[in-house]
Amino acid sequence: MLGTRFGFTAVAFFAALCFSAGLLGVPAASSDQAFDGHRTVGVRKCATCHKKKTLGNQLAAWRAAPHARAFETLSNAESRALAEAAGLSLPPNQAPECLRCHQTGFGLPEAAFAYEIDPADGVQCESCHGPGRDYRKKKIMSDPKKAHAKGLFDSDDPAICTACHNAESPTFDPDRFLLADGTRSAFDFEVAKKSIAHPIPEATKGHYLEIEKKLKAQGKKVE
């Protein structure tokens, strides 16, 4: 979870998403990755598989990290003060300038959603991993090439993060991250990525269908 050990508070991290390039409305504006007609399903659909211990329970990791509370934080005093200082006509939890980086899918047309999603769920899985309707099936997710062809983003692309974590944020700090060499930087992709890590266990990676088949033969389910 992000915290002061990286040189900034969780509240500042939330607020730093505001007023920036709009990752959630038009993801990764500075990247080659985009929604490209694929549809969003929402964290609750992703959770049907990604709450399982065998896969690493990414749902629990997301709930424990700041992204899950990105929408909620727009109602706090600091966000309201930032919105007032910026001269916004609406409170931050209603302002497009903030919602585009605090709410997955904000500004996208209705056709971009396969299911209704809850704005209160903040920055959900697909803001960083791409709209999942076409790659969420297990047989596709088990093949990285197929999954990427169906809309899965390259999670090693820093532009996914910097579309919102950038100088357009009202809390942008060029010295926010302390690097290993003692210098400071506005953003360090590797440090940020590690702080919200939610990997698939090595024993499961590439073997999920095999594991599922074996358990089914024993009359069991993947937990």
Foldseek 3Di string as FASTA:
>chain_A
DDDCVFPDHLLLVLLLLFLFLQCQQFNLPVDPAGQVQAAAEEQVVLQVPLCFVQQQRLVVLLVVHSQQQSLVSLPDPVNQVLCVVVVHPDRLSPDPRGLSRFFHNPNPDPSRHPDDYDRSRTRTDCSQFFHPPQQSDPVNVLDVVSNVVRTTDDNVDCSRVCRRQDPSRPSQDQFRGQDPVRGGGSDDVVVVCVVSDRGGDPVCRSCVVVVQVVQVVVVHGRD
